[in-house]
PDB file of N, CA and C in Angstrom:
ATOM      1  N   MET A   1      16.674 -12.497   5.197  1.00  0.00           N
ATOM      2  CA  MET A   1      16.036 -13.020   4.001  1.00  0.00           C
ATOM      3  C   MET A   1      16.435 -14.474   3.808  1.00  0.00           C
ATOM      4  N   LYS A   2      15.494 -15.274   3.430  1.00  0.00           N
ATOM      5  CA  LYS A   2      15.776 -16.680   3.193  1.00  0.00           C
ATOM      6  C   LYS A   2      16.539 -16.842   1.886  1.00  0.00           C
ATOM      7  N   SER A   3      17.602 -17.644   1.949  1.00  0.00           N
ATOM      8  CA  SER A   3      18.400 -17.837   0.732  1.00  0.00           C
ATOM      9  C   SER A   3      17.633 -18.623  -0.323  1.00  0.00           C
ATOM     10  N   SER A   4      16.690 -19.482   0.094  1.00  0.00           N
ATOM     11  CA  SER A   4      15.899 -20.226  -0.897  1.00  0.00           C
ATOM     12  C   SER A   4      15.004 -19.274  -1.697  1.00  0.00           C
ATOM     13  N   LEU A   5      14.450 -18.247  -1.040  1.00  0.00           N
ATOM     14  CA  LEU A   5      13.647 -17.245  -1.753  1.00  0.00           C
ATOM     15  C   LEU A   5      14.514 -16.467  -2.734  1.00  0.00           C
ATOM     16  N   LYS A   6      15.710 -16.094  -2.279  1.00  0.00           N
ATOM     17  CA  LYS A   6      16.637 -15.369  -3.156  1.00  0.00           C
ATOM     18  C   LYS A   6      16.975 -16.206  -4.382  1.00  0.00           C
ATOM     19  N   ASN A   7      17.290 -17.487  -4.151  1.00  0.00           N
ATOM     20  CA  ASN A   7      17.655 -18.367  -5.264  1.00  0.00           C
ATOM     21  C   ASN A   7      16.496 -18.553  -6.232  1.00  0.00           C
ATOM     22  N   ASP A   8      15.287 -18.720  -5.707  1.00  0.00           N
ATOM     23  CA  ASP A   8      14.105 -18.850  -6.564  1.00  0.00           C
ATOM     24  C   ASP A   8      13.917 -17.598  -7.416  1.00  0.00           C
ATOM     25  N   PHE A   9      14.108 -16.442  -6.792  1.00  0.00           N
ATOM     26  CA  PHE A   9      13.954 -15.173  -7.498  1.00  0.00           C
ATOM     27  C   PHE A   9      15.001 -15.036  -8.603  1.00  0.00           C
ATOM     28  N   ILE A  10      16.254 -15.335  -8.285  1.00  0.00           N
ATOM     29  CA  ILE A  10      17.344 -15.218  -9.265  1.00  0.00           C
ATOM     30  C   ILE A  10      17.109 -16.146 -10.449  1.00  0.00           C
ATOM     31  N   LYS A  11      16.684 -17.376 -10.175  1.00  0.00           N
ATOM     32  CA  LYS A  11      16.409 -18.334 -11.256  1.00  0.00           C
ATOM     33  C   LYS A  11      15.258 -17.859 -12.130  1.00  0.00           C
ATOM     34  N   LEU A  12      14.223 -17.327 -11.506  1.00  0.00           N
ATOM     35  CA  LEU A  12      13.039 -16.900 -12.245  1.00  0.00           C
ATOM     36  C   LEU A  12      13.326 -15.680 -13.126  1.00  0.00           C
ATOM     37  N   ILE A  13      14.052 -14.707 -12.605  1.00  0.00           N
ATOM     38  CA  ILE A  13      14.300 -13.483 -13.372  1.00  0.00           C
ATOM     39  C   ILE A  13      15.387 -13.705 -14.430  1.00  0.00           C
ATOM     40  N   ASN A  14      16.313 -14.618 -14.177  1.00  0.00           N
ATOM     41  CA  ASN A  14      17.278 -15.093 -15.176  1.00  0.00           C
ATOM     42  C   ASN A  14      17.949 -13.966 -15.973  1.00  0.00           C
ATOM     43  N   GLY A  15      18.401 -12.925 -15.284  1.00  0.00           N
ATOM     44  CA  GLY A  15      19.135 -11.845 -15.947  1.00  0.00           C
ATOM     45  C   GLY A  15      18.291 -10.869 -16.752  1.00  0.00           C
ATOM     46  N   ARG A  16      16.969 -10.975 -16.670  1.00  0.00           N
ATOM     47  CA  ARG A  16      16.090 -10.090 -17.449  1.00  0.00           C
ATOM     48  C   ARG A  16      15.685  -8.879 -16.603  1.00  0.00           C
ATOM     49  N   TYR A  17      16.617  -7.981 -16.430  1.00  0.00           N
ATOM     50  CA  TYR A  17      16.360  -6.755 -15.666  1.00  0.00           C
ATOM     51  C   TYR A  17      17.345  -5.688 -16.115  1.00  0.00           C
ATOM     52  N   TYR A  18      16.986  -4.449 -15.828  1.00  0.00           N
ATOM     53  CA  TYR A  18      17.930  -3.358 -16.068  1.00  0.00           C
ATOM     54  C   TYR A  18      17.668  -2.243 -15.074  1.00  0.00           C
ATOM     55  N   PHE A  19      18.733  -1.487 -14.798  1.00  0.00           N
ATOM     56  CA  PHE A  19      18.672  -0.397 -13.836  1.00  0.00           C
ATOM     57  C   PHE A  19      18.484   0.926 -14.550  1.00  0.00           C
ATOM     58  N   ARG A  20      17.749   1.818 -13.911  1.00  0.00           N
ATOM     59  CA  ARG A  20      17.620   3.209 -14.362  1.00  0.00           C
ATOM     60  C   ARG A  20      18.009   4.060 -13.156  1.00  0.00           C
ATOM     61  N   LEU A  21      19.190   4.638 -13.250  1.00  0.00           N
ATOM     62  CA  LEU A  21      19.735   5.393 -12.130  1.00  0.00           C
ATOM     63  C   LEU A  21      19.887   6.860 -12.506  1.00  0.00           C
ATOM     64  N   PRO A  22      19.785   7.745 -11.524  1.00  0.00           N
ATOM     65  CA  PRO A  22      19.917   9.172 -11.831  1.00  0.00           C
ATOM     66  C   PRO A  22      21.347   9.539 -12.209  1.00  0.00           C
ATOM     67  N   ASP A  23      21.467  10.542 -13.043  1.00  0.00           N
ATOM     68  CA  ASP A  23      22.753  11.105 -13.439  1.00  0.00           C
ATOM     69  C   ASP A  23      23.091  12.187 -12.409  1.00  0.00           C
ATOM     70  N   LYS A  24      24.087  11.920 -11.575  1.00  0.00           N
ATOM     71  CA  LYS A  24      24.416  12.836 -10.476  1.00  0.00           C
ATOM     72  C   LYS A  24      24.860  14.210 -10.973  1.00  0.00           C
ATOM     73  N   THR A  25      25.585  14.235 -12.083  1.00  0.00           N
ATOM     74  CA  THR A  25      26.033  15.514 -12.645  1.00  0.00           C
ATOM     75  C   THR A  25      24.839  16.335 -13.103  1.00  0.00           C
ATOM     76  N   ARG A  26      23.939  15.681 -13.803  1.00  0.00           N
ATOM     77  CA  ARG A  26      22.753  16.381 -14.307  1.00  0.00           C
ATOM     78  C   ARG A  26      21.861  16.849 -13.150  1.00  0.00           C
ATOM     79  N   ARG A  27      21.729  16.010 -12.123  1.00  0.00           N
ATOM     80  CA  ARG A  27      20.919  16.394 -10.965  1.00  0.00           C
ATOM     81  C   ARG A  27      21.513  17.622 -10.291  1.00  0.00           C
ATOM     82  N   LYS A  28      22.838  17.653 -10.192  1.00  0.00           N
ATOM     83  CA  LYS A  28      23.502  18.793  -9.563  1.00  0.00           C
ATOM     84  C   LYS A  28      23.271  20.063 -10.379  1.00  0.00           C
ATOM     85  N   LYS A  29      23.322  19.915 -11.711  1.00  0.00           N
ATOM     86  CA  LYS A  29      23.167  21.052 -12.616  1.00  0.00           C
ATOM     87  C   LYS A  29      21.721  21.552 -12.654  1.00  0.00           C
ATOM     88  N   GLU A  30      20.758  20.627 -12.785  1.00  0.00           N
ATOM     89  CA  GLU A  30      19.355  21.002 -12.987  1.00  0.00           C
ATOM     90  C   GLU A  30      18.536  21.074 -11.701  1.00  0.00           C
ATOM     91  N   GLY A  31      19.039  20.509 -10.631  1.00  0.00           N
ATOM     92  CA  GLY A  31      18.328  20.555  -9.357  1.00  0.00           C
ATOM     93  C   GLY A  31      17.004  19.811  -9.393  1.00  0.00           C
ATOM     94  N   GLN A  32      15.961  20.442  -8.852  1.00  0.00           N
ATOM     95  CA  GLN A  32      14.639  19.813  -8.743  1.00  0.00           C
ATOM     96  C   GLN A  32      13.971  19.568 -10.094  1.00  0.00           C
ATOM     97  N   ALA A  33      14.427  20.223 -11.137  1.00  0.00           N
ATOM     98  CA  ALA A  33      13.830  20.029 -12.463  1.00  0.00           C
ATOM     99  C   ALA A  33      14.148  18.642 -13.020  1.00  0.00           C
ATOM    100  N   TYR A  34      15.233  18.039 -12.546  1.00  0.00           N
ATOM    101  CA  TYR A  34      15.622  16.698 -12.996  1.00  0.00           C
ATOM    102  C   TYR A  34      14.925  15.668 -12.113  1.00  0.00           C
ATOM    103  N   LYS A  35      14.009  14.908 -12.681  1.00  0.00           N
ATOM    104  CA  LYS A  35      13.127  14.038 -11.900  1.00  0.00           C
ATOM    105  C   LYS A  35      13.550  12.571 -11.836  1.00  0.00           C
ATOM    106  N   GLN A  36      14.545  12.163 -12.617  1.00  0.00           N
ATOM    107  CA  GLN A  36      14.932  10.757 -12.664  1.00  0.00           C
ATOM    108  C   GLN A  36      15.329  10.250 -11.281  1.00  0.00           C
ATOM    109  N   GLY A  37      14.764   9.126 -10.872  1.00  0.00           N
ATOM    110  CA  GLY A  37      15.089   8.526  -9.587  1.00  0.00           C
ATOM    111  C   GLY A  37      15.709   7.158  -9.771  1.00  0.00           C
ATOM    112  N   TYR A  38      15.732   6.392  -8.707  1.00  0.00           N
ATOM    113  CA  TYR A  38      16.294   5.050  -8.730  1.00  0.00           C
ATOM    114  C   TYR A  38      15.200   4.051  -9.085  1.00  0.00           C
ATOM    115  N   GLU A  39      15.503   3.176 -10.036  1.00  0.00           N
ATOM    116  CA  GLU A  39      14.506   2.210 -10.497  1.00  0.00           C
ATOM    117  C   GLU A  39      15.210   0.982 -11.064  1.00  0.00           C
ATOM    118  N   ILE A  40      14.633  -0.174 -10.809  1.00  0.00           N
ATOM    119  CA  ILE A  40      15.056  -1.391 -11.490  1.00  0.00           C
ATOM    120  C   ILE A  40      13.825  -1.955 -12.173  1.00  0.00           C
ATOM    121  N   ARG A  41      13.988  -2.355 -13.420  1.00  0.00           N
ATOM    122  CA  ARG A  41      12.875  -2.906 -14.193  1.00  0.00           C
ATOM    123  C   ARG A  41      13.129  -4.388 -14.435  1.00  0.00           C
ATOM    124  N   LEU A  42      12.209  -5.199 -13.947  1.00  0.00           N
ATOM    125  CA  LEU A  42      12.277  -6.642 -14.125  1.00  0.00           C
ATOM    126  C   LEU A  42      11.373  -7.007 -15.292  1.00  0.00           C
ATOM    127  N   VAL A  43      11.934  -7.618 -16.315  1.00  0.00           N
ATOM    128  CA  VAL A  43      11.182  -7.959 -17.524  1.00  0.00           C
ATOM    129  C   VAL A  43      10.667  -9.386 -17.379  1.00  0.00           C
ATOM    130  N   VAL A  44       9.346  -9.552 -17.485  1.00  0.00           N
ATOM    131  CA  VAL A  44       8.733 -10.871 -17.302  1.00  0.00           C
ATOM    132  C   VAL A  44       8.108 -11.362 -18.599  1.00  0.00           C
ATOM    133  N   LYS A  45       7.933 -12.686 -18.677  1.00  0.00           N
ATOM    134  CA  LYS A  45       7.442 -13.309 -19.910  1.00  0.00           C
ATOM    135  C   LYS A  45       5.927 -13.288 -20.046  1.00  0.00           C
ATOM    136  N   GLY A  46       5.220 -13.274 -18.937  1.00  0.00           N
ATOM    137  CA  GLY A  46       3.766 -13.304 -19.018  1.00  0.00           C
ATOM    138  C   GLY A  46       3.137 -13.034 -17.665  1.00  0.00           C
ATOM    139  N   LYS A  47       1.818 -13.080 -17.622  1.00  0.00           N
ATOM    140  CA  LYS A  47       1.087 -12.734 -16.398  1.00  0.00           C
ATOM    141  C   LYS A  47       1.320 -13.736 -15.269  1.00  0.00           C
ATOM    142  N   ILE A  48       1.502 -15.010 -15.605  1.00  0.00           N
ATOM    143  CA  ILE A  48       1.764 -16.019 -14.573  1.00  0.00           C
ATOM    144  C   ILE A  48       3.125 -15.762 -13.931  1.00  0.00           C
ATOM    145  N   GLU A  49       4.134 -15.516 -14.769  1.00  0.00           N
ATOM    146  CA  GLU A  49       5.462 -15.212 -14.246  1.00  0.00           C
ATOM    147  C   GLU A  49       5.448 -13.903 -13.457  1.00  0.00           C
ATOM    148  N   LEU A  50       4.667 -12.935 -13.895  1.00  0.00           N
ATOM    149  CA  LEU A  50       4.531 -11.662 -13.183  1.00  0.00           C
ATOM    150  C   LEU A  50       4.029 -11.902 -11.763  1.00  0.00           C
ATOM    151  N   LYS A  51       3.003 -12.723 -11.620  1.00  0.00           N
ATOM    152  CA  LYS A  51       2.448 -13.018 -10.289  1.00  0.00           C
ATOM    153  C   LYS A  51       3.486 -13.703  -9.404  1.00  0.00           C
ATOM    154  N   LYS A  52       4.269 -14.622  -9.978  1.00  0.00           N
ATOM    155  CA  LYS A  52       5.309 -15.316  -9.208  1.00  0.00           C
ATOM    156  C   LYS A  52       6.375 -14.333  -8.737  1.00  0.00           C
ATOM    157  N   ILE A  53       6.804 -13.452  -9.637  1.00  0.00           N
ATOM    158  CA  ILE A  53       7.836 -12.470  -9.286  1.00  0.00           C
ATOM    159  C   ILE A  53       7.315 -11.490  -8.237  1.00  0.00           C
ATOM    160  N   GLN A  54       6.080 -11.040  -8.395  1.00  0.00           N
ATOM    161  CA  GLN A  54       5.488 -10.132  -7.407  1.00  0.00           C
ATOM    162  C   GLN A  54       5.427 -10.801  -6.036  1.00  0.00           C
ATOM    163  N   SER A  55       5.039 -12.058  -6.014  1.00  0.00           N
ATOM    164  CA  SER A  55       4.950 -12.797  -4.756  1.00  0.00           C
ATOM    165  C   SER A  55       6.326 -12.932  -4.102  1.00  0.00           C
ATOM    166  N   LEU A  56       7.330 -13.292  -4.890  1.00  0.00           N
ATOM    167  CA  LEU A  56       8.687 -13.420  -4.353  1.00  0.00           C
ATOM    168  C   LEU A  56       9.218 -12.081  -3.848  1.00  0.00           C
ATOM    169  N   LEU A  57       8.978 -11.010  -4.601  1.00  0.00           N
ATOM    170  CA  LEU A  57       9.426  -9.686  -4.163  1.00  0.00           C
ATOM    171  C   LEU A  57       8.791  -9.303  -2.830  1.00  0.00           C
ATOM    172  N   LYS A  58       7.502  -9.552  -2.694  1.00  0.00           N
ATOM    173  CA  LYS A  58       6.814  -9.237  -1.437  1.00  0.00           C
ATOM    174  C   LYS A  58       7.362 -10.084  -0.297  1.00  0.00           C
ATOM    175  N   ASP A  59       7.605 -11.379  -0.564  1.00  0.00           N
ATOM    176  CA  ASP A  59       8.164 -12.265   0.458  1.00  0.00           C
ATOM    177  C   ASP A  59       9.569 -11.837   0.875  1.00  0.00           C
ATOM    178  N   LEU A  60      10.307 -11.229  -0.052  1.00  0.00           N
ATOM    179  CA  LEU A  60      11.651 -10.733   0.240  1.00  0.00           C
ATOM    180  C   LEU A  60      11.633  -9.349   0.887  1.00  0.00           C
ATOM    181  N   GLY A  61      10.447  -8.764   1.056  1.00  0.00           N
ATOM    182  CA  GLY A  61      10.318  -7.493   1.757  1.00  0.00           C
ATOM    183  C   GLY A  61      10.350  -6.252   0.887  1.00  0.00           C
ATOM    184  N   PHE A  62      10.106  -6.398  -0.411  1.00  0.00           N
ATOM    185  CA  PHE A  62      10.117  -5.256  -1.317  1.00  0.00           C
ATOM    186  C   PHE A  62       8.713  -4.715  -1.540  1.00  0.00           C
ATOM    187  N   LYS A  63       8.644  -3.395  -1.734  1.00  0.00           N
ATOM    188  CA  LYS A  63       7.404  -2.754  -2.176  1.00  0.00           C
ATOM    189  C   LYS A  63       7.515  -2.651  -3.689  1.00  0.00           C
ATOM    190  N   ILE A  64       6.484  -3.086  -4.382  1.00  0.00           N
ATOM    191  CA  ILE A  64       6.565  -3.113  -5.840  1.00  0.00           C
ATOM    192  C   ILE A  64       5.718  -2.011  -6.452  1.00  0.00           C
ATOM    193  N   GLY A  65       6.164  -1.549  -7.604  1.00  0.00           N
ATOM    194  CA  GLY A  65       5.407  -0.560  -8.358  1.00  0.00           C
ATOM    195  C   GLY A  65       4.362  -1.242  -9.223  1.00  0.00           C
ATOM    196  N   LYS A  66       3.615  -0.440  -9.929  1.00  0.00           N
ATOM    197  CA  LYS A  66       2.579  -0.961 -10.819  1.00  0.00           C
ATOM    198  C   LYS A  66       3.232  -1.488 -12.098  1.00  0.00           C
ATOM    199  N   PRO A  67       2.964  -2.753 -12.461  1.00  0.00           N
ATOM    200  CA  PRO A  67       3.546  -3.284 -13.695  1.00  0.00           C
ATOM    201  C   PRO A  67       2.962  -2.588 -14.920  1.00  0.00           C
ATOM    202  N   PHE A  68       3.740  -2.570 -15.999  1.00  0.00           N
ATOM    203  CA  PHE A  68       3.272  -1.951 -17.235  1.00  0.00           C
ATOM    204  C   PHE A  68       3.802  -2.730 -18.425  1.00  0.00           C
ATOM    205  N   GLU A  69       3.151  -2.541 -19.554  1.00  0.00           N
ATOM    206  CA  GLU A  69       3.584  -3.187 -20.786  1.00  0.00           C
ATOM    207  C   GLU A  69       4.492  -2.235 -21.549  1.00  0.00           C
ATOM    208  N   LYS A  70       5.564  -2.792 -22.071  1.00  0.00           N
ATOM    209  CA  LYS A  70       6.495  -2.021 -22.896  1.00  0.00           C
ATOM    210  C   LYS A  70       6.749  -2.866 -24.140  1.00  0.00           C
ATOM    211  N   GLY A  71       6.126  -2.469 -25.218  1.00  0.00           N
ATOM    212  CA  GLY A  71       6.179  -3.293 -26.421  1.00  0.00           C
ATOM    213  C   GLY A  71       5.403  -4.574 -26.174  1.00  0.00           C
ATOM    214  N   LEU A  72       6.039  -5.696 -26.403  1.00  0.00           N
ATOM    215  CA  LEU A  72       5.397  -6.991 -26.173  1.00  0.00           C
ATOM    216  C   LEU A  72       5.781  -7.587 -24.825  1.00  0.00           C
ATOM    217  N   GLN A  73       6.474  -6.811 -23.996  1.00  0.00           N
ATOM    218  CA  GLN A  73       6.944  -7.298 -22.707  1.00  0.00           C
ATOM    219  C   GLN A  73       6.140  -6.690 -21.566  1.00  0.00           C
ATOM    220  N   ILE A  74       6.197  -7.374 -20.431  1.00  0.00           N
ATOM    221  CA  ILE A  74       5.622  -6.835 -19.199  1.00  0.00           C
ATOM    222  C   ILE A  74       6.792  -6.492 -18.288  1.00  0.00           C
ATOM    223  N   VAL A  75       6.740  -5.313 -17.701  1.00  0.00           N
ATOM    224  CA  VAL A  75       7.817  -4.844 -16.834  1.00  0.00           C
ATOM    225  C   VAL A  75       7.269  -4.634 -15.429  1.00  0.00           C
ATOM    226  N   GLN A  76       7.976  -5.198 -14.441  1.00  0.00           N
ATOM    227  CA  GLN A  76       7.643  -4.987 -13.035  1.00  0.00           C
ATOM    228  C   GLN A  76       8.709  -4.063 -12.452  1.00  0.00           C
ATOM    229  N   PRO A  77       8.365  -2.798 -12.178  1.00  0.00           N
ATOM    230  CA  PRO A  77       9.363  -1.879 -11.626  1.00  0.00           C
ATOM    231  C   PRO A  77       9.452  -1.959 -10.100  1.00  0.00           C
ATOM    232  N   VAL A  78      10.629  -1.635  -9.608  1.00  0.00           N
ATOM    233  CA  VAL A  78      10.861  -1.456  -8.176  1.00  0.00           C
ATOM    234  C   VAL A  78      11.542  -0.102  -8.051  1.00  0.00           C
ATOM    235  N   TYR A  79      10.973   0.774  -7.231  1.00  0.00           N
ATOM    236  CA  TYR A  79      11.452   2.154  -7.118  1.00  0.00           C
ATOM    237  C   TYR A  79      12.107   2.416  -5.767  1.00  0.00           C
ATOM    238  N   GLY A  80      12.981   3.397  -5.743  1.00  0.00           N
ATOM    239  CA  GLY A  80      13.580   3.879  -4.505  1.00  0.00           C
ATOM    240  C   GLY A  80      15.032   3.461  -4.358  1.00  0.00           C
ATOM    241  N   LYS A  81      15.840   4.373  -3.860  1.00  0.00           N
ATOM    242  CA  LYS A  81      17.278   4.126  -3.732  1.00  0.00           C
ATOM    243  C   LYS A  81      17.565   2.915  -2.850  1.00  0.00           C
ATOM    244  N   TYR A  82      16.936   2.860  -1.680  1.00  0.00           N
ATOM    245  CA  TYR A  82      17.194   1.755  -0.752  1.00  0.00           C
ATOM    246  C   TYR A  82      16.806   0.415  -1.370  1.00  0.00           C
ATOM    247  N   GLN A  83      15.629   0.359  -1.978  1.00  0.00           N
ATOM    248  CA  GLN A  83      15.152  -0.897  -2.560  1.00  0.00           C
ATOM    249  C   GLN A  83      16.013  -1.333  -3.743  1.00  0.00           C
ATOM    250  N   VAL A  84      16.428  -0.383  -4.576  1.00  0.00           N
ATOM    251  CA  VAL A  84      17.271  -0.709  -5.728  1.00  0.00           C
ATOM    252  C   VAL A  84      18.621  -1.241  -5.251  1.00  0.00           C
ATOM    253  N   GLU A  85      19.221  -0.595  -4.248  1.00  0.00           N
ATOM    254  CA  GLU A  85      20.504  -1.060  -3.719  1.00  0.00           C
ATOM    255  C   GLU A  85      20.363  -2.454  -3.108  1.00  0.00           C
ATOM    256  N   LYS A  86      19.285  -2.679  -2.391  1.00  0.00           N
ATOM    257  CA  LYS A  86      19.031  -3.983  -1.765  1.00  0.00           C
ATOM    258  C   LYS A  86      18.856  -5.068  -2.830  1.00  0.00           C
ATOM    259  N   LEU A  87      18.110  -4.763  -3.866  1.00  0.00           N
ATOM    260  CA  LEU A  87      17.875  -5.722  -4.945  1.00  0.00           C
ATOM    261  C   LEU A  87      19.156  -5.966  -5.744  1.00  0.00           C
ATOM    262  N   LYS A  88      19.971  -4.932  -5.877  1.00  0.00           N
ATOM    263  CA  LYS A  88      21.247  -5.061  -6.594  1.00  0.00           C
ATOM    264  C   LYS A  88      22.147  -6.090  -5.899  1.00  0.00           C
ATOM    265  N   THR A  89      22.152  -6.092  -4.569  1.00  0.00           N
ATOM    266  CA  THR A  89      22.983  -7.056  -3.836  1.00  0.00           C
ATOM    267  C   THR A  89      22.476  -8.486  -4.031  1.00  0.00           C
ATOM    268  N   ILE A  90      21.178  -8.659  -4.155  1.00  0.00           N
ATOM    269  CA  ILE A  90      20.614  -9.994  -4.383  1.00  0.00           C
ATOM    270  C   ILE A  90      20.971 -10.498  -5.775  1.00  0.00           C
ATOM    271  N   LEU A  91      20.907  -9.624  -6.758  1.00  0.00           N
ATOM    272  CA  LEU A  91      21.107 -10.028  -8.150  1.00  0.00           C
ATOM    273  C   LEU A  91      22.575 -10.223  -8.529  1.00  0.00           C
ATOM    274  N   LYS A  92      23.498  -9.794  -7.687  1.00  0.00           N
ATOM    275  CA  LYS A  92      24.931  -9.969  -8.007  1.00  0.00           C
ATOM    276  C   LYS A  92      25.406 -11.337  -7.615  1.00  0.00           C
TER     277      LYS A  92
END
């Protein structure tokens, strides 16, 4: 991965993200009934910023989920254990 792409991505997202990770204890207890998976939600300011973030994510080799609105914000999700772990290393 190009470090310039990583730096552009980090500057653009500017700490506006959060992780949604499965609860291992609950998964063990409930088994297949517990559906929570690995997800990171990137919060964007508008449609232009959304397009920039989507482009950077694709250039960095990520598969992106369908963006959605949550309140007055737009959220770009990234799903999957491997992708979340990979993105976590970039954002640290």
